[in-house]
Amino acid sequence: MPSVWDETKFIDGYPGKFVVIARRNAATWNVAAVSGENVDKQTTINLPMLAGQDVKLIYDNNDRTTGFKIFKVKKDGTVKLNLLSEGGAIIQSLKCQKSISLFNVIFILQPLGTTFCSDRG
């Protein structure tokens, strides 16, 4: 995870309920969603900067283990998130992302130091 960001955006939220924040470093967006309530929540967020792109989603399974999937954001940029009570999710763009950590190697299954570009244009 970078320590320096080129851009930070408030996406959605309400004090004490939930928050969704997006941060960009170079071409990679990192979106964090956190629930502050003791109830499960479904929300639709708008991420126009990721519209039509492949992203990885890390989320809480119902048994509180970590779930992972790669999917394409809709062309209109909307993403439906299911947040468990006091849980969260992370969305990260895969556009020209360089795998430099063990975390990326485990979840993207890329060799250390390789580059993955879903949009080579």
PDB file of N, CA and C in Angstrom:
ATOM      1  N   MET A   1       0.839  -1.171   0.000  1.00  0.00           N
ATOM      2  CA  MET A   1       0.000   0.000   0.000  1.00  0.00           C
ATOM      3  C   MET A   1       0.889   1.241   0.000  1.00  0.00           C
ATOM      4  N   PRO A   2       0.632   2.159  -0.916  1.00  0.00           N
ATOM      5  CA  PRO A   2       1.453   3.370  -0.982  1.00  0.00           C
ATOM      6  C   PRO A   2       1.307   4.234   0.266  1.00  0.00           C
ATOM      7  N   SER A   3       2.312   5.035   0.518  1.00  0.00           N
ATOM      8  CA  SER A   3       2.235   5.989   1.632  1.00  0.00           C
ATOM      9  C   SER A   3       2.015   7.411   1.125  1.00  0.00           C
ATOM     10  N   VAL A   4       2.089   7.594  -0.189  1.00  0.00           N
ATOM     11  CA  VAL A   4       1.870   8.895  -0.808  1.00  0.00           C
ATOM     12  C   VAL A   4       0.752   8.743  -1.837  1.00  0.00           C
ATOM     13  N   TRP A   5      -0.208   9.684  -1.815  1.00  0.00           N
ATOM     14  CA  TRP A   5      -1.364   9.610  -2.696  1.00  0.00           C
ATOM     15  C   TRP A   5      -1.406  10.833  -3.601  1.00  0.00           C
ATOM     16  N   ASP A   6      -1.817  10.620  -4.860  1.00  0.00           N
ATOM     17  CA  ASP A   6      -1.969  11.711  -5.811  1.00  0.00           C
ATOM     18  C   ASP A   6      -3.349  12.351  -5.714  1.00  0.00           C
ATOM     19  N   GLU A   7      -4.326  11.594  -5.220  1.00  0.00           N
ATOM     20  CA  GLU A   7      -5.701  12.089  -5.147  1.00  0.00           C
ATOM     21  C   GLU A   7      -6.475  11.295  -4.103  1.00  0.00           C
ATOM     22  N   THR A   8      -7.351  11.985  -3.374  1.00  0.00           N
ATOM     23  CA  THR A   8      -8.229  11.352  -2.395  1.00  0.00           C
ATOM     24  C   THR A   8      -9.637  11.885  -2.613  1.00  0.00           C
ATOM     25  N   LYS A   9     -10.639  10.958  -2.638  1.00  0.00           N
ATOM     26  CA  LYS A   9     -12.028  11.361  -2.857  1.00  0.00           C
ATOM     27  C   LYS A   9     -12.936  10.714  -1.814  1.00  0.00           C
ATOM     28  N   PHE A  10     -13.842  11.518  -1.259  1.00  0.00           N
ATOM     29  CA  PHE A  10     -14.928  10.989  -0.442  1.00  0.00           C
ATOM     30  C   PHE A  10     -15.986  10.490  -1.419  1.00  0.00           C
ATOM     31  N   ILE A  11     -16.356   9.205  -1.327  1.00  0.00           N
ATOM     32  CA  ILE A  11     -17.327   8.625  -2.245  1.00  0.00           C
ATOM     33  C   ILE A  11     -18.732   8.641  -1.646  1.00  0.00           C
ATOM     34  N   ASP A  12     -18.853   8.186  -0.404  1.00  0.00           N
ATOM     35  CA  ASP A  12     -20.166   8.106   0.235  1.00  0.00           C
ATOM     36  C   ASP A  12     -19.970   7.879   1.723  1.00  0.00           C
ATOM     37  N   GLY A  13     -21.025   8.091   2.488  1.00  0.00           N
ATOM     38  CA  GLY A  13     -20.961   7.795   3.903  1.00  0.00           C
ATOM     39  C   GLY A  13     -21.823   8.712   4.731  1.00  0.00           C
ATOM     40  N   TYR A  14     -21.906   8.379   6.006  1.00  0.00           N
ATOM     41  CA  TYR A  14     -22.644   9.162   6.986  1.00  0.00           C
ATOM     42  C   TYR A  14     -21.990   8.900   8.338  1.00  0.00           C
ATOM     43  N   PRO A  15     -21.740   9.953   9.127  1.00  0.00           N
ATOM     44  CA  PRO A  15     -21.059   9.757  10.416  1.00  0.00           C
ATOM     45  C   PRO A  15     -21.723   8.690  11.291  1.00  0.00           C
ATOM     46  N   GLY A  16     -20.912   7.745  11.750  1.00  0.00           N
ATOM     47  CA  GLY A  16     -21.390   6.675  12.610  1.00  0.00           C
ATOM     48  C   GLY A  16     -22.046   5.519  11.879  1.00  0.00           C
ATOM     49  N   LYS A  17     -22.288   5.666  10.578  1.00  0.00           N
ATOM     50  CA  LYS A  17     -22.968   4.624   9.798  1.00  0.00           C
ATOM     51  C   LYS A  17     -21.977   3.847   8.918  1.00  0.00           C
ATOM     52  N   PHE A  18     -21.358   4.554   7.957  1.00  0.00           N
ATOM     53  CA  PHE A  18     -20.390   3.921   7.058  1.00  0.00           C
ATOM     54  C   PHE A  18     -19.607   5.010   6.340  1.00  0.00           C
ATOM     55  N   VAL A  19     -18.501   4.605   5.717  1.00  0.00           N
ATOM     56  CA  VAL A  19     -17.719   5.548   4.912  1.00  0.00           C
ATOM     57  C   VAL A  19     -17.087   4.792   3.743  1.00  0.00           C
ATOM     58  N   VAL A  20     -17.001   5.471   2.606  1.00  0.00           N
ATOM     59  CA  VAL A  20     -16.307   4.944   1.431  1.00  0.00           C
ATOM     60  C   VAL A  20     -15.367   6.050   0.951  1.00  0.00           C
ATOM     61  N   ILE A  21     -14.069   5.744   0.926  1.00  0.00           N
ATOM     62  CA  ILE A  21     -13.028   6.684   0.518  1.00  0.00           C
ATOM     63  C   ILE A  21     -12.214   6.046  -0.610  1.00  0.00           C
ATOM     64  N   ALA A  22     -11.870   6.839  -1.626  1.00  0.00           N
ATOM     65  CA  ALA A  22     -11.029   6.360  -2.729  1.00  0.00           C
ATOM     66  C   ALA A  22      -9.741   7.168  -2.751  1.00  0.00           C
ATOM     67  N   ARG A  23      -8.628   6.457  -2.947  1.00  0.00           N
ATOM     68  CA  ARG A  23      -7.322   7.125  -3.046  1.00  0.00           C
ATOM     69  C   ARG A  23      -6.594   6.579  -4.261  1.00  0.00           C
ATOM     70  N   ARG A  24      -5.902   7.501  -4.949  1.00  0.00           N
ATOM     71  CA  ARG A  24      -5.184   7.114  -6.160  1.00  0.00           C
ATOM     72  C   ARG A  24      -3.698   7.370  -5.996  1.00  0.00           C
ATOM     73  N   ASN A  25      -2.904   6.394  -6.444  1.00  0.00           N
ATOM     74  CA  ASN A  25      -1.454   6.525  -6.557  1.00  0.00           C
ATOM     75  C   ASN A  25      -1.109   6.135  -7.982  1.00  0.00           C
ATOM     76  N   ALA A  26      -0.617   7.091  -8.768  1.00  0.00           N
ATOM     77  CA  ALA A  26      -0.360   6.890 -10.200  1.00  0.00           C
ATOM     78  C   ALA A  26      -1.673   6.454 -10.853  1.00  0.00           C
ATOM     79  N   ALA A  27      -1.710   5.291 -11.528  1.00  0.00           N
ATOM     80  CA  ALA A  27      -2.931   4.843 -12.209  1.00  0.00           C
ATOM     81  C   ALA A  27      -3.771   3.898 -11.358  1.00  0.00           C
ATOM     82  N   THR A  28      -3.331   3.583 -10.148  1.00  0.00           N
ATOM     83  CA  THR A  28      -4.032   2.599  -9.315  1.00  0.00           C
ATOM     84  C   THR A  28      -4.923   3.284  -8.281  1.00  0.00           C
ATOM     85  N   TRP A  29      -6.208   2.933  -8.311  1.00  0.00           N
ATOM     86  CA  TRP A  29      -7.166   3.416  -7.321  1.00  0.00           C
ATOM     87  C   TRP A  29      -7.358   2.364  -6.242  1.00  0.00           C
ATOM     88  N   ASN A  30      -7.423   2.800  -4.991  1.00  0.00           N
ATOM     89  CA  ASN A  30      -7.727   1.960  -3.840  1.00  0.00           C
ATOM     90  C   ASN A  30      -8.961   2.545  -3.179  1.00  0.00           C
ATOM     91  N   VAL A  31     -10.005   1.742  -3.046  1.00  0.00           N
ATOM     92  CA  VAL A  31     -11.257   2.192  -2.459  1.00  0.00           C
ATOM     93  C   VAL A  31     -11.501   1.368  -1.203  1.00  0.00           C
ATOM     94  N   ALA A  32     -11.739   2.049  -0.091  1.00  0.00           N
ATOM     95  CA  ALA A  32     -12.015   1.363   1.179  1.00  0.00           C
ATOM     96  C   ALA A  32     -13.426   1.714   1.624  1.00  0.00           C
ATOM     97  N   ALA A  33     -14.186   0.694   2.005  1.00  0.00           N
ATOM     98  CA  ALA A  33     -15.533   0.875   2.539  1.00  0.00           C
ATOM     99  C   ALA A  33     -15.576   0.228   3.917  1.00  0.00           C
ATOM    100  N   VAL A  34     -16.077   0.960   4.913  1.00  0.00           N
ATOM    101  CA  VAL A  34     -16.124   0.454   6.283  1.00  0.00           C
ATOM    102  C   VAL A  34     -17.496   0.753   6.865  1.00  0.00           C
ATOM    103  N   SER A  35     -18.089  -0.264   7.487  1.00  0.00           N
ATOM    104  CA  SER A  35     -19.371  -0.099   8.168  1.00  0.00           C
ATOM    105  C   SER A  35     -19.130   0.157   9.647  1.00  0.00           C
ATOM    106  N   GLY A  36     -19.808   1.164  10.197  1.00  0.00           N
ATOM    107  CA  GLY A  36     -19.686   1.475  11.612  1.00  0.00           C
ATOM    108  C   GLY A  36     -20.890   1.021  12.409  1.00  0.00           C
ATOM    109  N   GLU A  37     -21.798   0.307  11.770  1.00  0.00           N
ATOM    110  CA  GLU A  37     -23.031  -0.128  12.434  1.00  0.00           C
ATOM    111  C   GLU A  37     -22.992  -1.616  12.751  1.00  0.00           C
ATOM    112  N   ASN A  38     -23.865  -2.007  13.655  1.00  0.00           N
ATOM    113  CA  ASN A  38     -23.959  -3.401  14.070  1.00  0.00           C
ATOM    114  C   ASN A  38     -25.032  -4.138  13.265  1.00  0.00           C
ATOM    115  N   VAL A  39     -25.227  -3.718  12.007  1.00  0.00           N
ATOM    116  CA  VAL A  39     -26.172  -4.377  11.099  1.00  0.00           C
ATOM    117  C   VAL A  39     -25.502  -4.503   9.736  1.00  0.00           C
ATOM    118  N   ASP A  40     -25.870  -5.552   8.996  1.00  0.00           N
ATOM    119  CA  ASP A  40     -25.369  -5.707   7.640  1.00  0.00           C
ATOM    120  C   ASP A  40     -25.940  -4.598   6.774  1.00  0.00           C
ATOM    121  N   LYS A  41     -25.178  -4.176   5.753  1.00  0.00           N
ATOM    122  CA  LYS A  41     -25.602  -3.070   4.910  1.00  0.00           C
ATOM    123  C   LYS A  41     -25.291  -3.382   3.458  1.00  0.00           C
ATOM    124  N   GLN A  42     -26.240  -3.077   2.579  1.00  0.00           N
ATOM    125  CA  GLN A  42     -25.988  -3.146   1.148  1.00  0.00           C
ATOM    126  C   GLN A  42     -26.038  -1.716   0.619  1.00  0.00           C
ATOM    127  N   THR A  43     -25.034  -1.336  -0.139  1.00  0.00           N
ATOM    128  CA  THR A  43     -24.982   0.011  -0.700  1.00  0.00           C
ATOM    129  C   THR A  43     -24.471  -0.052  -2.130  1.00  0.00           C
ATOM    130  N   THR A  44     -24.912   0.876  -2.931  1.00  0.00           N
ATOM    131  CA  THR A  44     -24.413   1.015  -4.293  1.00  0.00           C
ATOM    132  C   THR A  44     -23.581   2.282  -4.337  1.00  0.00           C
ATOM    133  N   ILE A  45     -22.334   2.138  -4.761  1.00  0.00           N
ATOM    134  CA  ILE A  45     -21.440   3.295  -4.823  1.00  0.00           C
ATOM    135  C   ILE A  45     -21.120   3.617  -6.278  1.00  0.00           C
ATOM    136  N   ASN A  46     -20.791   4.866  -6.525  1.00  0.00           N
ATOM    137  CA  ASN A  46     -20.469   5.324  -7.864  1.00  0.00           C
ATOM    138  C   ASN A  46     -18.967   5.564  -7.967  1.00  0.00           C
ATOM    139  N   LEU A  47     -18.317   4.791  -8.823  1.00  0.00           N
ATOM    140  CA  LEU A  47     -16.874   4.894  -9.031  1.00  0.00           C
ATOM    141  C   LEU A  47     -16.590   5.147 -10.513  1.00  0.00           C
ATOM    142  N   PRO A  48     -16.874   6.364 -11.001  1.00  0.00           N
ATOM    143  CA  PRO A  48     -16.697   6.632 -12.433  1.00  0.00           C
ATOM    144  C   PRO A  48     -15.260   6.447 -12.908  1.00  0.00           C
ATOM    145  N   MET A  49     -14.290   6.623 -12.013  1.00  0.00           N
ATOM    146  CA  MET A  49     -12.887   6.469 -12.394  1.00  0.00           C
ATOM    147  C   MET A  49     -12.515   5.012 -12.665  1.00  0.00           C
ATOM    148  N   LEU A  50     -13.396   4.070 -12.263  1.00  0.00           N
ATOM    149  CA  LEU A  50     -13.151   2.647 -12.502  1.00  0.00           C
ATOM    150  C   LEU A  50     -14.145   2.043 -13.496  1.00  0.00           C
ATOM    151  N   ALA A  51     -14.985   2.869 -14.114  1.00  0.00           N
ATOM    152  CA  ALA A  51     -16.019   2.379 -15.031  1.00  0.00           C
ATOM    153  C   ALA A  51     -15.416   1.505 -16.130  1.00  0.00           C
ATOM    154  N   GLY A  52     -15.969   0.307 -16.273  1.00  0.00           N
ATOM    155  CA  GLY A  52     -15.531  -0.624 -17.308  1.00  0.00           C
ATOM    156  C   GLY A  52     -14.209  -1.316 -17.055  1.00  0.00           C
ATOM    157  N   GLN A  53     -13.593  -1.083 -15.905  1.00  0.00           N
ATOM    158  CA  GLN A  53     -12.284  -1.672 -15.611  1.00  0.00           C
ATOM    159  C   GLN A  53     -12.398  -2.938 -14.765  1.00  0.00           C
ATOM    160  N   ASP A  54     -11.393  -3.786 -14.879  1.00  0.00           N
ATOM    161  CA  ASP A  54     -11.270  -4.939 -13.995  1.00  0.00           C
ATOM    162  C   ASP A  54     -10.720  -4.467 -12.656  1.00  0.00           C
ATOM    163  N   VAL A  55     -11.310  -4.971 -11.577  1.00  0.00           N
ATOM    164  CA  VAL A  55     -10.869  -4.619 -10.223  1.00  0.00           C
ATOM    165  C   VAL A  55     -10.838  -5.881  -9.375  1.00  0.00           C
ATOM    166  N   LYS A  56     -10.093  -5.801  -8.278  1.00  0.00           N
ATOM    167  CA  LYS A  56     -10.153  -6.890  -7.309  1.00  0.00           C
ATOM    168  C   LYS A  56     -10.937  -6.382  -6.104  1.00  0.00           C
ATOM    169  N   LEU A  57     -11.738  -7.262  -5.538  1.00  0.00           N
ATOM    170  CA  LEU A  57     -12.552  -6.953  -4.371  1.00  0.00           C
ATOM    171  C   LEU A  57     -12.152  -7.889  -3.249  1.00  0.00           C
ATOM    172  N   ILE A  58     -11.838  -7.319  -2.103  1.00  0.00           N
ATOM    173  CA  ILE A  58     -11.548  -8.090  -0.893  1.00  0.00           C
ATOM    174  C   ILE A  58     -12.638  -7.720   0.103  1.00  0.00           C
ATOM    175  N   TYR A  59     -13.309  -8.710   0.659  1.00  0.00           N
ATOM    176  CA  TYR A  59     -14.487  -8.460   1.476  1.00  0.00           C
ATOM    177  C   TYR A  59     -14.597  -9.499   2.592  1.00  0.00           C
ATOM    178  N   ASP A  60     -15.539  -9.271   3.504  1.00  0.00           N
ATOM    179  CA  ASP A  60     -15.810 -10.219   4.582  1.00  0.00           C
ATOM    180  C   ASP A  60     -16.851 -11.231   4.125  1.00  0.00           C
ATOM    181  N   ASN A  61     -16.521 -12.523   4.254  1.00  0.00           N
ATOM    182  CA  ASN A  61     -17.523 -13.565   4.070  1.00  0.00           C
ATOM    183  C   ASN A  61     -18.433 -13.583   5.297  1.00  0.00           C
ATOM    184  N   ASN A  62     -19.557 -14.276   5.191  1.00  0.00           N
ATOM    185  CA  ASN A  62     -20.491 -14.356   6.328  1.00  0.00           C
ATOM    186  C   ASN A  62     -19.854 -14.948   7.583  1.00  0.00           C
ATOM    187  N   ASP A  63     -18.874 -15.839   7.417  1.00  0.00           N
ATOM    188  CA  ASP A  63     -18.208 -16.440   8.580  1.00  0.00           C
ATOM    189  C   ASP A  63     -17.001 -15.612   9.035  1.00  0.00           C
ATOM    190  N   ARG A  64     -16.864 -14.402   8.491  1.00  0.00           N
ATOM    191  CA  ARG A  64     -15.802 -13.426   8.822  1.00  0.00           C
ATOM    192  C   ARG A  64     -14.434 -13.801   8.275  1.00  0.00           C
ATOM    193  N   THR A  65     -14.367 -14.805   7.402  1.00  0.00           N
ATOM    194  CA  THR A  65     -13.126 -15.057   6.687  1.00  0.00           C
ATOM    195  C   THR A  65     -13.042 -14.068   5.530  1.00  0.00           C
ATOM    196  N   THR A  66     -11.896 -13.988   4.902  1.00  0.00           N
ATOM    197  CA  THR A  66     -11.692 -13.040   3.810  1.00  0.00           C
ATOM    198  C   THR A  66     -12.134 -13.638   2.489  1.00  0.00           C
ATOM    199  N   GLY A  67     -12.961 -12.895   1.770  1.00  0.00           N
ATOM    200  CA  GLY A  67     -13.371 -13.292   0.434  1.00  0.00           C
ATOM    201  C   GLY A  67     -12.625 -12.460  -0.589  1.00  0.00           C
ATOM    202  N   PHE A  68     -12.497 -12.992  -1.785  1.00  0.00           N
ATOM    203  CA  PHE A  68     -11.751 -12.324  -2.845  1.00  0.00           C
ATOM    204  C   PHE A  68     -12.361 -12.649  -4.194  1.00  0.00           C
ATOM    205  N   LYS A  69     -12.489 -11.642  -5.039  1.00  0.00           N
ATOM    206  CA  LYS A  69     -12.896 -11.897  -6.417  1.00  0.00           C
ATOM    207  C   LYS A  69     -12.422 -10.758  -7.303  1.00  0.00           C
ATOM    208  N   ILE A  70     -12.303 -11.069  -8.581  1.00  0.00           N
ATOM    209  CA  ILE A  70     -11.980 -10.078  -9.591  1.00  0.00           C
ATOM    210  C   ILE A  70     -13.222  -9.929 -10.460  1.00  0.00           C
ATOM    211  N   PHE A  71     -13.613  -8.696 -10.739  1.00  0.00           N
ATOM    212  CA  PHE A  71     -14.784  -8.465 -11.583  1.00  0.00           C
ATOM    213  C   PHE A  71     -14.603  -7.162 -12.354  1.00  0.00           C
ATOM    214  N   LYS A  72     -15.472  -6.956 -13.329  1.00  0.00           N
ATOM    215  CA  LYS A  72     -15.444  -5.734 -14.126  1.00  0.00           C
ATOM    216  C   LYS A  72     -16.522  -4.792 -13.602  1.00  0.00           C
ATOM    217  N   VAL A  73     -16.131  -3.549 -13.331  1.00  0.00           N
ATOM    218  CA  VAL A  73     -17.077  -2.522 -12.899  1.00  0.00           C
ATOM    219  C   VAL A  73     -17.992  -2.200 -14.082  1.00  0.00           C
ATOM    220  N   LYS A  74     -19.280  -2.000 -13.795  1.00  0.00           N
ATOM    221  CA  LYS A  74     -20.230  -1.660 -14.853  1.00  0.00           C
ATOM    222  C   LYS A  74     -19.776  -0.403 -15.594  1.00  0.00           C
ATOM    223  N   LYS A  75     -20.216  -0.252 -16.827  1.00  0.00           N
ATOM    224  CA  LYS A  75     -19.828   0.903 -17.643  1.00  0.00           C
ATOM    225  C   LYS A  75     -20.285   2.220 -17.035  1.00  0.00           C
ATOM    226  N   ASP A  76     -21.356   2.188 -16.220  1.00  0.00           N
ATOM    227  CA  ASP A  76     -21.820   3.419 -15.575  1.00  0.00           C
ATOM    228  C   ASP A  76     -21.060   3.712 -14.274  1.00  0.00           C
ATOM    229  N   GLY A  77     -20.131   2.823 -13.899  1.00  0.00           N
ATOM    230  CA  GLY A  77     -19.294   3.035 -12.723  1.00  0.00           C
ATOM    231  C   GLY A  77     -19.904   2.611 -11.397  1.00  0.00           C
ATOM    232  N   THR A  78     -21.101   2.029 -11.415  1.00  0.00           N
ATOM    233  CA  THR A  78     -21.732   1.638 -10.155  1.00  0.00           C
ATOM    234  C   THR A  78     -21.259   0.258  -9.704  1.00  0.00           C
ATOM    235  N   VAL A  79     -21.118   0.123  -8.392  1.00  0.00           N
ATOM    236  CA  VAL A  79     -20.719  -1.137  -7.766  1.00  0.00           C
ATOM    237  C   VAL A  79     -21.629  -1.367  -6.565  1.00  0.00           C
ATOM    238  N   LYS A  80     -22.208  -2.559  -6.469  1.00  0.00           N
ATOM    239  CA  LYS A  80     -23.014  -2.927  -5.314  1.00  0.00           C
ATOM    240  C   LYS A  80     -22.121  -3.604  -4.289  1.00  0.00           C
ATOM    241  N   LEU A  81     -22.131  -3.097  -3.059  1.00  0.00           N
ATOM    242  CA  LEU A  81     -21.326  -3.683  -1.989  1.00  0.00           C
ATOM    243  C   LEU A  81     -22.224  -4.200  -0.883  1.00  0.00           C
ATOM    244  N   ASN A  82     -21.882  -5.373  -0.373  1.00  0.00           N
ATOM    245  CA  ASN A  82     -22.519  -5.916   0.816  1.00  0.00           C
ATOM    246  C   ASN A  82     -21.508  -5.839   1.949  1.00  0.00           C
ATOM    247  N   LEU A  83     -21.805  -5.033   2.947  1.00  0.00           N
ATOM    248  CA  LEU A  83     -20.917  -4.880   4.093  1.00  0.00           C
ATOM    249  C   LEU A  83     -21.527  -5.569   5.297  1.00  0.00           C
ATOM    250  N   LEU A  84     -20.771  -6.463   5.922  1.00  0.00           N
ATOM    251  CA  LEU A  84     -21.238  -7.085   7.159  1.00  0.00           C
ATOM    252  C   LEU A  84     -21.211  -6.051   8.276  1.00  0.00           C
ATOM    253  N   SER A  85     -21.921  -6.328   9.357  1.00  0.00           N
ATOM    254  CA  SER A  85     -21.920  -5.413  10.493  1.00  0.00           C
ATOM    255  C   SER A  85     -20.481  -5.201  10.955  1.00  0.00           C
ATOM    256  N   GLU A  86     -20.122  -3.932  11.100  1.00  0.00           N
ATOM    257  CA  GLU A  86     -18.776  -3.535  11.507  1.00  0.00           C
ATOM    258  C   GLU A  86     -17.694  -4.181  10.645  1.00  0.00           C
ATOM    259  N   GLY A  87     -18.021  -4.421   9.382  1.00  0.00           N
ATOM    260  CA  GLY A  87     -17.086  -5.023   8.432  1.00  0.00           C
ATOM    261  C   GLY A  87     -16.646  -4.021   7.392  1.00  0.00           C
ATOM    262  N   GLY A  88     -16.049  -4.520   6.341  1.00  0.00           N
ATOM    263  CA  GLY A  88     -15.568  -3.620   5.308  1.00  0.00           C
ATOM    264  C   GLY A  88     -15.227  -4.342   4.022  1.00  0.00           C
ATOM    265  N   ALA A  89     -14.751  -3.571   3.064  1.00  0.00           N
ATOM    266  CA  ALA A  89     -14.351  -4.107   1.768  1.00  0.00           C
ATOM    267  C   ALA A  89     -13.300  -3.186   1.171  1.00  0.00           C
ATOM    268  N   ILE A  90     -12.487  -3.746   0.288  1.00  0.00           N
ATOM    269  CA  ILE A  90     -11.475  -2.988  -0.436  1.00  0.00           C
ATOM    270  C   ILE A  90     -11.642  -3.300  -1.916  1.00  0.00           C
ATOM    271  N   ILE A  91     -11.616  -2.264  -2.723  1.00  0.00           N
ATOM    272  CA  ILE A  91     -11.631  -2.416  -4.175  1.00  0.00           C
ATOM    273  C   ILE A  91     -10.344  -1.781  -4.678  1.00  0.00           C
ATOM    274  N   GLN A  92      -9.635  -2.508  -5.545  1.00  0.00           N
ATOM    275  CA  GLN A  92      -8.393  -1.965  -6.095  1.00  0.00           C
ATOM    276  C   GLN A  92      -8.381  -2.175  -7.598  1.00  0.00           C
ATOM    277  N   SER A  93      -8.079  -1.090  -8.325  1.00  0.00           N
ATOM    278  CA  SER A  93      -7.994  -1.208  -9.776  1.00  0.00           C
ATOM    279  C   SER A  93      -6.819  -2.093 -10.148  1.00  0.00           C
ATOM    280  N   LEU A  94      -6.971  -2.784 -11.249  1.00  0.00           N
ATOM    281  CA  LEU A  94      -5.904  -3.673 -11.712  1.00  0.00           C
ATOM    282  C   LEU A  94      -5.159  -3.088 -12.898  1.00  0.00           C
ATOM    283  N   LYS A  95      -5.502  -1.892 -13.300  1.00  0.00           N
ATOM    284  CA  LYS A  95      -4.876  -1.260 -14.464  1.00  0.00           C
ATOM    285  C   LYS A  95      -3.401  -0.999 -14.198  1.00  0.00           C
ATOM    286  N   CYS A  96      -2.563  -1.741 -14.878  1.00  0.00           N
ATOM    287  CA  CYS A  96      -1.107  -1.573 -14.798  1.00  0.00           C
ATOM    288  C   CYS A  96      -0.611  -1.538 -13.361  1.00  0.00           C
ATOM    289  N   GLN A  97      -1.071  -2.481 -12.566  1.00  0.00           N
ATOM    290  CA  GLN A  97      -0.658  -2.560 -11.167  1.00  0.00           C
ATOM    291  C   GLN A  97       0.590  -3.416 -11.053  1.00  0.00           C
ATOM    292  N   LYS A  98       1.574  -2.930 -10.359  1.00  0.00           N
ATOM    293  CA  LYS A  98       2.801  -3.694 -10.157  1.00  0.00           C
ATOM    294  C   LYS A  98       2.699  -4.443  -8.843  1.00  0.00           C
ATOM    295  N   SER A  99       2.881  -5.752  -8.887  1.00  0.00           N
ATOM    296  CA  SER A  99       2.833  -6.561  -7.678  1.00  0.00           C
ATOM    297  C   SER A  99       4.158  -6.451  -6.959  1.00  0.00           C
ATOM    298  N   ILE A 100       4.144  -5.863  -5.778  1.00  0.00           N
ATOM    299  CA  ILE A 100       5.383  -5.683  -5.046  1.00  0.00           C
ATOM    300  C   ILE A 100       5.303  -6.226  -3.632  1.00  0.00           C
ATOM    301  N   SER A 101       4.163  -6.787  -3.266  1.00  0.00           N
ATOM    302  CA  SER A 101       4.035  -7.269  -1.901  1.00  0.00           C
ATOM    303  C   SER A 101       3.543  -8.710  -1.887  1.00  0.00           C
ATOM    304  N   LEU A 102       3.768  -9.376  -0.789  1.00  0.00           N
ATOM    305  CA  LEU A 102       3.287 -10.736  -0.615  1.00  0.00           C
ATOM    306  C   LEU A 102       1.778 -10.768  -0.733  1.00  0.00           C
ATOM    307  N   PHE A 103       1.085  -9.729  -0.234  1.00  0.00           N
ATOM    308  CA  PHE A 103      -0.368  -9.631  -0.322  1.00  0.00           C
ATOM    309  C   PHE A 103      -0.813  -9.766  -1.778  1.00  0.00           C
ATOM    310  N   ASN A 104      -0.187  -9.019  -2.691  1.00  0.00           N
ATOM    311  CA  ASN A 104      -0.564  -9.082  -4.093  1.00  0.00           C
ATOM    312  C   ASN A 104      -0.239 -10.442  -4.699  1.00  0.00           C
ATOM    313  N   VAL A 105       0.845 -11.027  -4.303  1.00  0.00           N
ATOM    314  CA  VAL A 105       1.222 -12.333  -4.836  1.00  0.00           C
ATOM    315  C   VAL A 105       0.182 -13.374  -4.444  1.00  0.00           C
ATOM    316  N   ILE A 106      -0.283 -13.321  -3.209  1.00  0.00           N
ATOM    317  CA  ILE A 106      -1.276 -14.289  -2.743  1.00  0.00           C
ATOM    318  C   ILE A 106      -2.607 -14.084  -3.449  1.00  0.00           C
ATOM    319  N   PHE A 107      -3.084 -12.843  -3.512  1.00  0.00           N
ATOM    320  CA  PHE A 107      -4.429 -12.606  -4.007  1.00  0.00           C
ATOM    321  C   PHE A 107      -4.529 -12.456  -5.512  1.00  0.00           C
ATOM    322  N   ILE A 108      -3.508 -11.980  -6.174  1.00  0.00           N
ATOM    323  CA  ILE A 108      -3.562 -11.875  -7.625  1.00  0.00           C
ATOM    324  C   ILE A 108      -2.897 -13.092  -8.259  1.00  0.00           C
ATOM    325  N   LEU A 109      -2.111 -13.816  -7.494  1.00  0.00           N
ATOM    326  CA  LEU A 109      -1.395 -14.988  -7.969  1.00  0.00           C
ATOM    327  C   LEU A 109      -0.428 -14.630  -9.088  1.00  0.00           C
ATOM    328  N   GLN A 110       0.276 -13.525  -8.892  1.00  0.00           N
ATOM    329  CA  GLN A 110       1.287 -13.081  -9.840  1.00  0.00           C
ATOM    330  C   GLN A 110       2.665 -13.285  -9.230  1.00  0.00           C
ATOM    331  N   PRO A 111       3.652 -13.566 -10.044  1.00  0.00           N
ATOM    332  CA  PRO A 111       5.021 -13.598  -9.524  1.00  0.00           C
ATOM    333  C   PRO A 111       5.413 -12.218  -9.022  1.00  0.00           C
ATOM    334  N   LEU A 112       6.204 -12.187  -7.993  1.00  0.00           N
ATOM    335  CA  LEU A 112       6.667 -10.928  -7.402  1.00  0.00           C
ATOM    336  C   LEU A 112       7.365 -10.069  -8.436  1.00  0.00           C
ATOM    337  N   GLY A 113       6.956  -8.790  -8.514  1.00  0.00           N
ATOM    338  CA  GLY A 113       7.616  -7.859  -9.401  1.00  0.00           C
ATOM    339  C   GLY A 113       7.095  -7.814 -10.818  1.00  0.00           C
ATOM    340  N   THR A 114       6.045  -8.580 -11.151  1.00  0.00           N
ATOM    341  CA  THR A 114       5.510  -8.524 -12.501  1.00  0.00           C
ATOM    342  C   THR A 114       4.424  -7.462 -12.565  1.00  0.00           C
ATOM    343  N   THR A 115       4.094  -7.084 -13.787  1.00  0.00           N
ATOM    344  CA  THR A 115       3.069  -6.067 -13.992  1.00  0.00           C
ATOM    345  C   THR A 115       1.866  -6.707 -14.651  1.00  0.00           C
ATOM    346  N   PHE A 116       0.681  -6.366 -14.142  1.00  0.00           N
ATOM    347  CA  PHE A 116      -0.564  -6.857 -14.703  1.00  0.00           C
ATOM    348  C   PHE A 116      -1.307  -5.666 -15.275  1.00  0.00           C
ATOM    349  N   CYS A 117      -1.605  -5.684 -16.565  1.00  0.00           N
ATOM    350  CA  CYS A 117      -2.372  -4.600 -17.184  1.00  0.00           C
ATOM    351  C   CYS A 117      -3.596  -5.195 -17.824  1.00  0.00           C
ATOM    352  N   SER A 118      -4.780  -4.825 -17.298  1.00  0.00           N
ATOM    353  CA  SER A 118      -6.007  -5.319 -17.890  1.00  0.00           C
ATOM    354  C   SER A 118      -6.381  -4.487 -19.114  1.00  0.00           C
ATOM    355  N   ASP A 119      -5.854  -3.283 -19.208  1.00  0.00           N
ATOM    356  CA  ASP A 119      -6.132  -2.403 -20.330  1.00  0.00           C
ATOM    357  C   ASP A 119      -4.799  -2.032 -20.957  1.00  0.00           C
ATOM    358  N   ARG A 120      -4.449  -2.720 -22.019  1.00  0.00           N
ATOM    359  CA  ARG A 120      -3.133  -2.504 -22.625  1.00  0.00           C
ATOM    360  C   ARG A 120      -3.149  -1.416 -23.698  1.00  0.00           C
ATOM    361  N   GLY A 121      -4.235  -0.635 -23.738  1.00  0.00           N
ATOM    362  CA  GLY A 121      -4.354   0.380 -24.782  1.00  0.00           C
ATOM    363  C   GLY A 121      -3.756   1.658 -24.488  1.00  0.00           C
TER     364      GLY A 121
END
